[in-house]
């Protein structure tokens, strides 16, 4: 129980360090009109996804820093449920790239393909989300809006800090409950015994449900016991569909369509694994049956 509590506290502190500064920072930029002046730079990306130009800052924060940073920035923009579903799908697929690239590089996944695949998959996921979401979500505006126009700068700062703390508390509560439930499940004797027998499933369970970064230690350890033929399948799936439970539920705080985010991520991950399988099969087939074009 002590170990579970430590993990929950570590995650909570990380969330506080990311959400509050990013949320307050984006409110200051909003107040000063900076976002309006630079948003045109990001219009190509946001136009593809059908989002306001300012949302690109949230996508960039999530891509380069962390999912929580992306959420903190997006929460300052007053998005509706439709927009949050698109943002959620993109960020759930394509976040924390520098950190997760470092983790997956250690277990054998190449850096550049990782970054490119995640970005393309994120854009495709966002486009697909926009095409299947119910129009009713357009009418549901985010209730956890951090930024609000205030009469004075300091009033805005105080309001921003209060609302960012409220947002942080909701995220911490959700993440902490999930960590406790997950750790209790993983330490349950029947489950623990099964995972000890099939070690690679620990990586799939931890990474698939709570994320690559959270399960980095288990992932690095378990990869040594994975059949090299299956290693790329497992890494591809985790790359595209890690944190399926935690990350999907986070966007439920903002009225996003959870089924759409979950289904799109899972579908893209499965298709990715199938493409790797087909490519591997064709390569093996070529080696076994080389071209007989010049044979008599």
Foldseek 3Di string as FASTA:
>chain_A
DVVLVVLLVVVLVVLVVQQQVLLLVLLLCVQVVVLVVCLVVQVVLCVLLVHRSSLVVLLVCFQQPNPSNSVSNVLQVFAFQLRLQLSLLLSQQHGNLVVLLVLVVLLPDDNPVLNVVSNVLSSVLSNVSNVPDDPVRRVGIFPLHLHDDDPDPVVRSVSNNVSSVVLSVVLSVLLSVVSVVLVVVCPDVVNVVVCVVVVVVVCCSQFQAQRCVSCSVSNSVSSVVDDPVCSVLSSLLSSQHGNLHSSLVSSVSGNYDSCSSSVSSNVVSVVRSVVVVVVVVVVVVCVVPPDCPPPD
